[in-house]
């Protein structure tokens, strides 16, 4: 016990504490959005990305993209340090990928993030993360991009995080990280299925939770096809929350079984000032990620 006490004040530990203290005085580590025209997720390179830096009173994360008439609209979590709560904002970009406007599109008295957007029967919907409000809420767009109204709760009385829909094999699949009894929101992936994405009677998968693993459970972006392969981006929080993004190839997806294997992992680059990355999305022309970046406070 004596040696453990003194080890806290050993020269290496003391030096680390001093360096950390100095670093925290001059720097902070907000989430930011980054854009790239490289569409190959297996060849992502930090030097290809253009950063979009938020004002210093907030961070930006969880980007989803929607394009209309050649204009890019980025729907993001905008977290204000003053309120300690996320809301959904829309960044409009010009042809040079510069921000021309930033407008709040959805704000509640509870935390919102991960604005998953999808189209069904020519109507645009959004499923933001609403785990704090104990439900999977859907909002319908009535005036793009800034006006959204509550439509319904897909699943009630659940603390669900980063809900992600995907259509395959004649079914709609709903992936969500459900907080367990220990309160963790990082390591328990549940799956539901339905014939209708707006159903209020989603059927739980018999293998739920289909994944219990802090390194791959929580969703990290829109699920997509790579050729005939289904790729599910996920967060690896083994090192720290949202440390890296994994790209998992779904090998089995049915109402009775589920399996996946990691094909590729995109790691942060501390050498370039990025210490975590946990969301990946794209459209035909643009790739979006988020990252925890070291920024000067002053």
C-alpha atoms as a PDB file:
ATOM      1  CA  UNK A   1       0.000   0.000   0.000  1.00  0.00           C
ATOM      2  CA  UNK A   2       2.835   2.351   0.905  1.00  0.00           C
ATOM      3  CA  UNK A   3       4.460   1.908  -2.504  1.00  0.00           C
ATOM      4  CA  UNK A   4       1.132   2.570  -4.274  1.00  0.00           C
ATOM      5  CA  UNK A   5       0.669   5.843  -2.409  1.00  0.00           C
ATOM      6  CA  UNK A   6       4.159   7.051  -3.229  1.00  0.00           C
ATOM      7  CA  UNK A   7       3.844   5.911  -6.837  1.00  0.00           C
ATOM      8  CA  UNK A   8       1.211   8.600  -7.363  1.00  0.00           C
ATOM      9  CA  UNK A   9       3.892  11.179  -6.666  1.00  0.00           C
ATOM     10  CA  UNK A  10       6.688   9.494  -8.625  1.00  0.00           C
ATOM     11  CA  UNK A  11       8.483  11.662 -11.157  1.00  0.00           C
ATOM     12  CA  UNK A  12       6.808  10.156 -14.268  1.00  0.00           C
ATOM     13  CA  UNK A  13       3.300  10.466 -12.789  1.00  0.00           C
ATOM     14  CA  UNK A  14       3.937  13.956 -11.490  1.00  0.00           C
ATOM     15  CA  UNK A  15       5.287  15.034 -14.868  1.00  0.00           C
ATOM     16  CA  UNK A  16       2.222  13.643 -16.665  1.00  0.00           C
ATOM     17  CA  UNK A  17      -0.078  15.534 -14.303  1.00  0.00           C
ATOM     18  CA  UNK A  18       1.812  18.770 -14.877  1.00  0.00           C
ATOM     19  CA  UNK A  19       1.750  18.342 -18.658  1.00  0.00           C
ATOM     20  CA  UNK A  20      -1.991  17.563 -18.578  1.00  0.00           C
ATOM     21  CA  UNK A  21      -2.646  20.631 -16.423  1.00  0.00           C
ATOM     22  CA  UNK A  22      -0.712  22.885 -18.781  1.00  0.00           C
ATOM     23  CA  UNK A  23      -2.441  21.356 -21.803  1.00  0.00           C
ATOM     24  CA  UNK A  24      -5.922  21.912 -20.315  1.00  0.00           C
ATOM     25  CA  UNK A  25      -5.066  25.557 -19.616  1.00  0.00           C
ATOM     26  CA  UNK A  26      -4.198  26.323 -23.240  1.00  0.00           C
ATOM     27  CA  UNK A  27      -6.275  23.777 -25.173  1.00  0.00           C
ATOM     28  CA  UNK A  28      -9.689  22.138 -25.266  1.00  0.00           C
ATOM     29  CA  UNK A  29     -11.014  19.176 -27.248  1.00  0.00           C
ATOM     30  CA  UNK A  30     -14.366  19.830 -28.986  1.00  0.00           C
ATOM     31  CA  UNK A  31     -16.027  17.659 -31.611  1.00  0.00           C
ATOM     32  CA  UNK A  32     -15.941  19.151 -35.112  1.00  0.00           C
ATOM     33  CA  UNK A  33     -17.187  18.171 -38.595  1.00  0.00           C
ATOM     34  CA  UNK A  34     -14.859  17.222 -41.460  1.00  0.00           C
ATOM     35  CA  UNK A  35     -15.585  16.834 -45.183  1.00  0.00           C
ATOM     36  CA  UNK A  36     -13.831  14.923 -47.958  1.00  0.00           C
ATOM     37  CA  UNK A  37     -14.491  14.034 -51.587  1.00  0.00           C
ATOM     38  CA  UNK A  38     -12.852  10.636 -51.067  1.00  0.00           C
ATOM     39  CA  UNK A  39     -15.740   8.167 -51.215  1.00  0.00           C
ATOM     40  CA  UNK A  40     -13.812   4.962 -50.418  1.00  0.00           C
ATOM     41  CA  UNK A  41     -14.264   4.231 -46.723  1.00  0.00           C
ATOM     42  CA  UNK A  42     -11.296   1.849 -46.777  1.00  0.00           C
ATOM     43  CA  UNK A  43      -8.993   4.627 -48.007  1.00  0.00           C
ATOM     44  CA  UNK A  44      -9.972   7.435 -45.651  1.00  0.00           C
ATOM     45  CA  UNK A  45      -7.039   9.766 -45.028  1.00  0.00           C
ATOM     46  CA  UNK A  46      -6.967  12.640 -42.552  1.00  0.00           C
ATOM     47  CA  UNK A  47      -5.089  14.866 -44.989  1.00  0.00           C
ATOM     48  CA  UNK A  48      -8.038  14.694 -47.426  1.00  0.00           C
ATOM     49  CA  UNK A  49     -10.488  16.237 -44.973  1.00  0.00           C
ATOM     50  CA  UNK A  50     -11.549  19.858 -44.687  1.00  0.00           C
ATOM     51  CA  UNK A  51     -12.509  20.815 -41.108  1.00  0.00           C
ATOM     52  CA  UNK A  52     -15.601  22.847 -40.255  1.00  0.00           C
ATOM     53  CA  UNK A  53     -14.880  24.538 -36.941  1.00  0.00           C
ATOM     54  CA  UNK A  54     -17.731  25.562 -34.628  1.00  0.00           C
ATOM     55  CA  UNK A  55     -17.705  28.698 -32.471  1.00  0.00           C
ATOM     56  CA  UNK A  56     -15.847  28.089 -29.236  1.00  0.00           C
ATOM     57  CA  UNK A  57     -19.017  28.030 -27.122  1.00  0.00           C
ATOM     58  CA  UNK A  58     -20.207  24.739 -28.692  1.00  0.00           C
ATOM     59  CA  UNK A  59     -19.251  21.566 -30.494  1.00  0.00           C
ATOM     60  CA  UNK A  60     -20.582  19.899 -33.644  1.00  0.00           C
ATOM     61  CA  UNK A  61     -20.946  16.135 -34.099  1.00  0.00           C
ATOM     62  CA  UNK A  62     -23.009  13.336 -35.689  1.00  0.00           C
ATOM     63  CA  UNK A  63     -23.241  14.754 -39.240  1.00  0.00           C
ATOM     64  CA  UNK A  64     -25.862  13.506 -41.713  1.00  0.00           C
ATOM     65  CA  UNK A  65     -26.105  14.887 -45.247  1.00  0.00           C
ATOM     66  CA  UNK A  66     -29.009  15.646 -47.569  1.00  0.00           C
ATOM     67  CA  UNK A  67     -28.563  17.218 -51.009  1.00  0.00           C
ATOM     68  CA  UNK A  68     -31.227  19.242 -52.835  1.00  0.00           C
ATOM     69  CA  UNK A  69     -30.601  20.885 -56.232  1.00  0.00           C
ATOM     70  CA  UNK A  70     -26.858  20.637 -55.767  1.00  0.00           C
ATOM     71  CA  UNK A  71     -26.883  22.261 -52.330  1.00  0.00           C
ATOM     72  CA  UNK A  72     -25.483  20.322 -49.376  1.00  0.00           C
ATOM     73  CA  UNK A  73     -27.368  20.426 -46.076  1.00  0.00           C
ATOM     74  CA  UNK A  74     -25.616  18.954 -43.057  1.00  0.00           C
ATOM     75  CA  UNK A  75     -27.807  17.987 -40.127  1.00  0.00           C
ATOM     76  CA  UNK A  76     -25.747  17.818 -36.961  1.00  0.00           C
ATOM     77  CA  UNK A  77     -25.764  17.675 -33.203  1.00  0.00           C
ATOM     78  CA  UNK A  78     -24.973  21.164 -31.932  1.00  0.00           C
ATOM     79  CA  UNK A  79     -24.033  21.011 -28.263  1.00  0.00           C
ATOM     80  CA  UNK A  80     -23.912  24.254 -26.301  1.00  0.00           C
ATOM     81  CA  UNK A  81     -21.615  24.220 -23.287  1.00  0.00           C
ATOM     82  CA  UNK A  82     -23.851  26.790 -21.570  1.00  0.00           C
ATOM     83  CA  UNK A  83     -26.916  24.516 -21.593  1.00  0.00           C
ATOM     84  CA  UNK A  84     -25.065  21.163 -21.479  1.00  0.00           C
ATOM     85  CA  UNK A  85     -27.578  19.862 -23.995  1.00  0.00           C
ATOM     86  CA  UNK A  86     -27.565  18.985 -27.679  1.00  0.00           C
ATOM     87  CA  UNK A  87     -29.959  20.260 -30.323  1.00  0.00           C
ATOM     88  CA  UNK A  88     -30.268  19.619 -34.065  1.00  0.00           C
ATOM     89  CA  UNK A  89     -28.934  22.271 -36.415  1.00  0.00           C
ATOM     90  CA  UNK A  90     -28.572  22.472 -40.188  1.00  0.00           C
ATOM     91  CA  UNK A  91     -25.413  23.765 -41.852  1.00  0.00           C
ATOM     92  CA  UNK A  92     -25.894  24.889 -45.462  1.00  0.00           C
ATOM     93  CA  UNK A  93     -22.775  24.749 -47.632  1.00  0.00           C
ATOM     94  CA  UNK A  94     -21.776  26.590 -50.799  1.00  0.00           C
ATOM     95  CA  UNK A  95     -20.015  25.034 -53.798  1.00  0.00           C
ATOM     96  CA  UNK A  96     -16.652  25.438 -52.046  1.00  0.00           C
ATOM     97  CA  UNK A  97     -17.933  23.560 -48.984  1.00  0.00           C
ATOM     98  CA  UNK A  98     -17.979  26.705 -46.872  1.00  0.00           C
ATOM     99  CA  UNK A  99     -20.777  27.301 -44.368  1.00  0.00           C
ATOM    100  CA  UNK A 100     -23.250  29.923 -45.576  1.00  0.00           C
ATOM    101  CA  UNK A 101     -25.836  29.442 -42.839  1.00  0.00           C
ATOM    102  CA  UNK A 102     -26.411  27.621 -39.564  1.00  0.00           C
ATOM    103  CA  UNK A 103     -29.952  27.318 -38.282  1.00  0.00           C
ATOM    104  CA  UNK A 104     -31.461  25.361 -35.400  1.00  0.00           C
ATOM    105  CA  UNK A 105     -34.120  22.979 -36.728  1.00  0.00           C
ATOM    106  CA  UNK A 106     -35.063  21.035 -33.588  1.00  0.00           C
ATOM    107  CA  UNK A 107     -34.597  21.849 -29.913  1.00  0.00           C
ATOM    108  CA  UNK A 108     -36.201  20.331 -26.815  1.00  0.00           C
ATOM    109  CA  UNK A 109     -35.802  20.465 -23.054  1.00  0.00           C
ATOM    110  CA  UNK A 110     -33.894  17.169 -23.351  1.00  0.00           C
ATOM    111  CA  UNK A 111     -30.775  16.161 -25.256  1.00  0.00           C
ATOM    112  CA  UNK A 112     -30.942  15.654 -29.033  1.00  0.00           C
ATOM    113  CA  UNK A 113     -28.211  14.298 -31.295  1.00  0.00           C
ATOM    114  CA  UNK A 114     -27.548  11.847 -34.171  1.00  0.00           C
ATOM    115  CA  UNK A 115     -30.178  13.217 -36.630  1.00  0.00           C
ATOM    116  CA  UNK A 116     -30.778  10.100 -38.738  1.00  0.00           C
ATOM    117  CA  UNK A 117     -32.650  11.235 -41.870  1.00  0.00           C
ATOM    118  CA  UNK A 118     -34.540   8.998 -44.283  1.00  0.00           C
ATOM    119  CA  UNK A 119     -37.134   9.309 -47.024  1.00  0.00           C
ATOM    120  CA  UNK A 120     -40.292   7.209 -47.186  1.00  0.00           C
ATOM    121  CA  UNK A 121     -43.099   7.625 -49.732  1.00  0.00           C
ATOM    122  CA  UNK A 122     -41.444  10.886 -50.880  1.00  0.00           C
ATOM    123  CA  UNK A 123     -41.622  12.346 -47.372  1.00  0.00           C
ATOM    124  CA  UNK A 124     -38.524  13.179 -45.368  1.00  0.00           C
ATOM    125  CA  UNK A 125     -38.272  12.026 -41.750  1.00  0.00           C
ATOM    126  CA  UNK A 126     -35.744  12.413 -38.968  1.00  0.00           C
ATOM    127  CA  UNK A 127     -35.044  10.154 -36.003  1.00  0.00           C
ATOM    128  CA  UNK A 128     -32.842  12.116 -33.599  1.00  0.00           C
ATOM    129  CA  UNK A 129     -31.372  10.487 -30.541  1.00  0.00           C
ATOM    130  CA  UNK A 130     -33.917  11.056 -27.759  1.00  0.00           C
ATOM    131  CA  UNK A 131     -32.756   8.509 -25.199  1.00  0.00           C
ATOM    132  CA  UNK A 132     -33.048  11.039 -22.387  1.00  0.00           C
ATOM    133  CA  UNK A 133     -36.790  11.241 -23.124  1.00  0.00           C
ATOM    134  CA  UNK A 134     -37.165   7.426 -23.102  1.00  0.00           C
ATOM    135  CA  UNK A 135     -38.378   6.837 -26.631  1.00  0.00           C
ATOM    136  CA  UNK A 136     -37.523   6.586 -30.335  1.00  0.00           C
ATOM    137  CA  UNK A 137     -39.100   9.752 -31.709  1.00  0.00           C
ATOM    138  CA  UNK A 138     -39.764  10.450 -35.400  1.00  0.00           C
ATOM    139  CA  UNK A 139     -40.145  13.930 -36.883  1.00  0.00           C
ATOM    140  CA  UNK A 140     -41.613  14.763 -40.297  1.00  0.00           C
ATOM    141  CA  UNK A 141     -40.259  17.542 -42.480  1.00  0.00           C
ATOM    142  CA  UNK A 142     -42.969  20.056 -43.429  1.00  0.00           C
ATOM    143  CA  UNK A 143     -40.677  22.719 -44.890  1.00  0.00           C
ATOM    144  CA  UNK A 144     -37.160  21.685 -45.876  1.00  0.00           C
ATOM    145  CA  UNK A 145     -34.707  22.067 -44.322  1.00  0.00           C
ATOM    146  CA  UNK A 146     -35.747  23.969 -41.219  1.00  0.00           C
ATOM    147  CA  UNK A 147     -39.254  22.919 -40.156  1.00  0.00           C
ATOM    148  CA  UNK A 148     -39.896  19.516 -38.569  1.00  0.00           C
ATOM    149  CA  UNK A 149     -42.912  18.348 -36.575  1.00  0.00           C
ATOM    150  CA  UNK A 150     -43.303  15.410 -34.222  1.00  0.00           C
ATOM    151  CA  UNK A 151     -44.856  12.415 -35.987  1.00  0.00           C
ATOM    152  CA  UNK A 152     -44.845   9.532 -33.495  1.00  0.00           C
ATOM    153  CA  UNK A 153     -42.850   7.349 -31.134  1.00  0.00           C
ATOM    154  CA  UNK A 154     -41.640   4.196 -32.861  1.00  0.00           C
ATOM    155  CA  UNK A 155     -40.714   2.514 -29.578  1.00  0.00           C
ATOM    156  CA  UNK A 156     -41.759   3.822 -26.171  1.00  0.00           C
ATOM    157  CA  UNK A 157     -40.201   3.464 -22.741  1.00  0.00           C
ATOM    158  CA  UNK A 158     -36.700   2.646 -23.972  1.00  0.00           C
ATOM    159  CA  UNK A 159     -33.455   4.530 -23.480  1.00  0.00           C
ATOM    160  CA  UNK A 160     -32.267   4.156 -27.066  1.00  0.00           C
ATOM    161  CA  UNK A 161     -29.206   5.811 -28.578  1.00  0.00           C
ATOM    162  CA  UNK A 162     -28.199   6.466 -32.195  1.00  0.00           C
ATOM    163  CA  UNK A 163     -31.178   4.736 -33.801  1.00  0.00           C
ATOM    164  CA  UNK A 164     -30.373   3.713 -37.379  1.00  0.00           C
ATOM    165  CA  UNK A 165     -32.843   2.313 -39.932  1.00  0.00           C
ATOM    166  CA  UNK A 166     -31.911   0.111 -42.877  1.00  0.00           C
ATOM    167  CA  UNK A 167     -33.981  -1.621 -45.568  1.00  0.00           C
ATOM    168  CA  UNK A 168     -32.855  -5.058 -46.773  1.00  0.00           C
ATOM    169  CA  UNK A 169     -34.280  -8.507 -47.459  1.00  0.00           C
ATOM    170  CA  UNK A 170     -37.805  -7.125 -47.689  1.00  0.00           C
ATOM    171  CA  UNK A 171     -37.741  -5.719 -44.156  1.00  0.00           C
ATOM    172  CA  UNK A 172     -36.985  -2.505 -42.325  1.00  0.00           C
ATOM    173  CA  UNK A 173     -34.380  -3.022 -39.617  1.00  0.00           C
ATOM    174  CA  UNK A 174     -33.960  -0.747 -36.623  1.00  0.00           C
ATOM    175  CA  UNK A 175     -30.581  -0.779 -34.863  1.00  0.00           C
ATOM    176  CA  UNK A 176     -30.186   1.072 -31.558  1.00  0.00           C
ATOM    177  CA  UNK A 177     -27.879   1.028 -28.582  1.00  0.00           C
ATOM    178  CA  UNK A 178     -30.023   0.457 -25.502  1.00  0.00           C
ATOM    179  CA  UNK A 179     -28.781   1.554 -22.107  1.00  0.00           C
ATOM    180  CA  UNK A 180     -28.402  -1.460 -19.846  1.00  0.00           C
ATOM    181  CA  UNK A 181     -28.960  -1.805 -16.132  1.00  0.00           C
ATOM    182  CA  UNK A 182     -25.504  -0.364 -15.517  1.00  0.00           C
ATOM    183  CA  UNK A 183     -26.488   2.724 -17.504  1.00  0.00           C
ATOM    184  CA  UNK A 184     -23.922   2.196 -20.267  1.00  0.00           C
ATOM    185  CA  UNK A 185     -24.869   3.643 -23.643  1.00  0.00           C
ATOM    186  CA  UNK A 186     -21.836   2.317 -25.484  1.00  0.00           C
ATOM    187  CA  UNK A 187     -21.915  -1.468 -25.503  1.00  0.00           C
ATOM    188  CA  UNK A 188     -25.359  -3.006 -26.100  1.00  0.00           C
ATOM    189  CA  UNK A 189     -26.828  -3.135 -29.615  1.00  0.00           C
ATOM    190  CA  UNK A 190     -30.433  -4.204 -30.091  1.00  0.00           C
ATOM    191  CA  UNK A 191     -32.200  -4.975 -33.349  1.00  0.00           C
ATOM    192  CA  UNK A 192     -35.881  -4.752 -34.328  1.00  0.00           C
ATOM    193  CA  UNK A 193     -37.678  -5.366 -37.607  1.00  0.00           C
ATOM    194  CA  UNK A 194     -40.904  -4.349 -39.340  1.00  0.00           C
ATOM    195  CA  UNK A 195     -42.538  -4.114 -42.765  1.00  0.00           C
ATOM    196  CA  UNK A 196     -43.101  -0.381 -42.243  1.00  0.00           C
ATOM    197  CA  UNK A 197     -40.468   2.137 -41.079  1.00  0.00           C
ATOM    198  CA  UNK A 198     -43.190   4.154 -39.343  1.00  0.00           C
ATOM    199  CA  UNK A 199     -44.628   1.178 -37.488  1.00  0.00           C
ATOM    200  CA  UNK A 200     -45.263   1.405 -33.764  1.00  0.00           C
ATOM    201  CA  UNK A 201     -45.056  -2.385 -33.456  1.00  0.00           C
ATOM    202  CA  UNK A 202     -41.418  -3.209 -34.091  1.00  0.00           C
ATOM    203  CA  UNK A 203     -40.589  -6.843 -33.396  1.00  0.00           C
ATOM    204  CA  UNK A 204     -37.536  -7.402 -31.171  1.00  0.00           C
ATOM    205  CA  UNK A 205     -34.932  -9.713 -32.663  1.00  0.00           C
ATOM    206  CA  UNK A 206     -34.785 -13.048 -30.773  1.00  0.00           C
ATOM    207  CA  UNK A 207     -31.004 -12.686 -30.269  1.00  0.00           C
ATOM    208  CA  UNK A 208     -31.240  -9.288 -28.569  1.00  0.00           C
ATOM    209  CA  UNK A 209     -28.906  -7.847 -27.642  1.00  0.00           C
ATOM    210  CA  UNK A 210     -27.272  -8.875 -30.902  1.00  0.00           C
ATOM    211  CA  UNK A 211     -23.953  -7.334 -29.812  1.00  0.00           C
ATOM    212  CA  UNK A 212     -22.538  -6.725 -26.343  1.00  0.00           C
ATOM    213  CA  UNK A 213     -19.150  -5.193 -27.006  1.00  0.00           C
ATOM    214  CA  UNK A 214     -17.931  -1.692 -26.151  1.00  0.00           C
ATOM    215  CA  UNK A 215     -15.631  -1.814 -29.181  1.00  0.00           C
ATOM    216  CA  UNK A 216     -18.364  -2.238 -31.807  1.00  0.00           C
ATOM    217  CA  UNK A 217     -21.939  -2.047 -30.517  1.00  0.00           C
ATOM    218  CA  UNK A 218     -23.036   1.582 -30.744  1.00  0.00           C
ATOM    219  CA  UNK A 219     -24.050   2.790 -34.246  1.00  0.00           C
ATOM    220  CA  UNK A 220     -21.732   5.231 -35.986  1.00  0.00           C
ATOM    221  CA  UNK A 221     -23.620   6.311 -39.098  1.00  0.00           C
ATOM    222  CA  UNK A 222     -25.914   5.219 -41.895  1.00  0.00           C
ATOM    223  CA  UNK A 223     -25.735   1.523 -42.850  1.00  0.00           C
ATOM    224  CA  UNK A 224     -24.942   1.069 -46.545  1.00  0.00           C
ATOM    225  CA  UNK A 225     -24.260  -1.390 -49.341  1.00  0.00           C
ATOM    226  CA  UNK A 226     -20.718  -1.851 -50.660  1.00  0.00           C
ATOM    227  CA  UNK A 227     -21.459  -3.939 -53.725  1.00  0.00           C
ATOM    228  CA  UNK A 228     -23.465  -6.844 -52.331  1.00  0.00           C
ATOM    229  CA  UNK A 229     -22.068  -6.386 -48.835  1.00  0.00           C
ATOM    230  CA  UNK A 230     -23.929  -4.622 -46.043  1.00  0.00           C
ATOM    231  CA  UNK A 231     -21.617  -2.336 -44.057  1.00  0.00           C
ATOM    232  CA  UNK A 232     -22.569  -1.106 -40.588  1.00  0.00           C
ATOM    233  CA  UNK A 233     -20.422   1.740 -39.184  1.00  0.00           C
ATOM    234  CA  UNK A 234     -20.027   1.574 -35.420  1.00  0.00           C
ATOM    235  CA  UNK A 235     -18.179   3.268 -32.600  1.00  0.00           C
ATOM    236  CA  UNK A 236     -15.197   1.750 -30.850  1.00  0.00           C
ATOM    237  CA  UNK A 237     -15.179   3.141 -27.302  1.00  0.00           C
ATOM    238  CA  UNK A 238     -12.685   0.690 -25.845  1.00  0.00           C
ATOM    239  CA  UNK A 239      -9.922   3.296 -25.506  1.00  0.00           C
ATOM    240  CA  UNK A 240     -12.264   6.201 -24.758  1.00  0.00           C
ATOM    241  CA  UNK A 241     -15.777   7.222 -25.781  1.00  0.00           C
ATOM    242  CA  UNK A 242     -16.068   7.419 -29.566  1.00  0.00           C
ATOM    243  CA  UNK A 243     -12.378   6.667 -30.089  1.00  0.00           C
ATOM    244  CA  UNK A 244     -12.622   5.247 -33.624  1.00  0.00           C
ATOM    245  CA  UNK A 245     -15.060   4.141 -36.316  1.00  0.00           C
ATOM    246  CA  UNK A 246     -15.360   0.501 -37.301  1.00  0.00           C
ATOM    247  CA  UNK A 247     -16.846  -0.689 -40.588  1.00  0.00           C
ATOM    248  CA  UNK A 248     -18.540  -4.018 -39.944  1.00  0.00           C
ATOM    249  CA  UNK A 249     -19.620  -6.334 -42.757  1.00  0.00           C
ATOM    250  CA  UNK A 250     -22.980  -7.885 -41.932  1.00  0.00           C
ATOM    251  CA  UNK A 251     -22.702 -11.550 -42.870  1.00  0.00           C
ATOM    252  CA  UNK A 252     -26.129 -12.654 -41.629  1.00  0.00           C
ATOM    253  CA  UNK A 253     -29.288 -10.551 -41.337  1.00  0.00           C
ATOM    254  CA  UNK A 254     -32.569 -12.364 -40.816  1.00  0.00           C
ATOM    255  CA  UNK A 255     -35.445 -12.494 -38.376  1.00  0.00           C
ATOM    256  CA  UNK A 256     -33.749 -15.452 -36.656  1.00  0.00           C
ATOM    257  CA  UNK A 257     -30.036 -14.690 -36.844  1.00  0.00           C
ATOM    258  CA  UNK A 258     -27.469 -11.894 -37.009  1.00  0.00           C
ATOM    259  CA  UNK A 259     -23.704 -11.815 -37.495  1.00  0.00           C
ATOM    260  CA  UNK A 260     -21.070  -9.299 -38.537  1.00  0.00           C
ATOM    261  CA  UNK A 261     -17.302  -9.022 -38.821  1.00  0.00           C
ATOM    262  CA  UNK A 262     -15.097  -5.926 -38.779  1.00  0.00           C
ATOM    263  CA  UNK A 263     -13.650  -5.212 -42.235  1.00  0.00           C
ATOM    264  CA  UNK A 264     -11.873  -1.933 -41.515  1.00  0.00           C
ATOM    265  CA  UNK A 265     -11.248   0.548 -38.705  1.00  0.00           C
ATOM    266  CA  UNK A 266     -10.625   4.268 -39.160  1.00  0.00           C
ATOM    267  CA  UNK A 267      -8.397   5.534 -36.358  1.00  0.00           C
ATOM    268  CA  UNK A 268      -7.868   9.066 -35.049  1.00  0.00           C
ATOM    269  CA  UNK A 269      -4.570  10.838 -35.683  1.00  0.00           C
ATOM    270  CA  UNK A 270      -3.112  12.600 -32.663  1.00  0.00           C
ATOM    271  CA  UNK A 271      -0.234  13.760 -34.884  1.00  0.00           C
ATOM    272  CA  UNK A 272      -2.765  15.857 -36.799  1.00  0.00           C
ATOM    273  CA  UNK A 273      -4.580  16.922 -33.638  1.00  0.00           C
ATOM    274  CA  UNK A 274      -7.502  14.484 -33.854  1.00  0.00           C
ATOM    275  CA  UNK A 275      -8.084  12.264 -30.828  1.00  0.00           C
ATOM    276  CA  UNK A 276     -11.389  10.512 -31.600  1.00  0.00           C
ATOM    277  CA  UNK A 277     -13.802   9.959 -34.493  1.00  0.00           C
ATOM    278  CA  UNK A 278     -17.173   8.242 -34.151  1.00  0.00           C
ATOM    279  CA  UNK A 279     -19.511   9.074 -37.070  1.00  0.00           C
ATOM    280  CA  UNK A 280     -19.282   8.340 -40.798  1.00  0.00           C
ATOM    281  CA  UNK A 281     -21.809   9.379 -43.445  1.00  0.00           C
ATOM    282  CA  UNK A 282     -21.783  10.198 -47.152  1.00  0.00           C
ATOM    283  CA  UNK A 283     -23.708  10.863 -50.330  1.00  0.00           C
ATOM    284  CA  UNK A 284     -22.662  10.457 -53.976  1.00  0.00           C
ATOM    285  CA  UNK A 285     -20.114  13.271 -53.822  1.00  0.00           C
ATOM    286  CA  UNK A 286     -19.129  13.883 -50.232  1.00  0.00           C
ATOM    287  CA  UNK A 287     -17.927  12.018 -47.153  1.00  0.00           C
ATOM    288  CA  UNK A 288     -18.578  13.384 -43.662  1.00  0.00           C
ATOM    289  CA  UNK A 289     -17.044  12.429 -40.347  1.00  0.00           C
ATOM    290  CA  UNK A 290     -16.696  14.028 -36.946  1.00  0.00           C
ATOM    291  CA  UNK A 291     -13.600  14.209 -34.792  1.00  0.00           C
ATOM    292  CA  UNK A 292     -12.441  15.375 -31.400  1.00  0.00           C
ATOM    293  CA  UNK A 293      -9.870  18.055 -32.205  1.00  0.00           C
ATOM    294  CA  UNK A 294      -7.265  19.788 -30.081  1.00  0.00           C
ATOM    295  CA  UNK A 295      -7.999  23.523 -30.289  1.00  0.00           C
ATOM    296  CA  UNK A 296      -6.358  26.605 -28.840  1.00  0.00           C
ATOM    297  CA  UNK A 297      -8.557  28.224 -26.177  1.00  0.00           C
ATOM    298  CA  UNK A 298      -7.476  31.787 -26.774  1.00  0.00           C
END
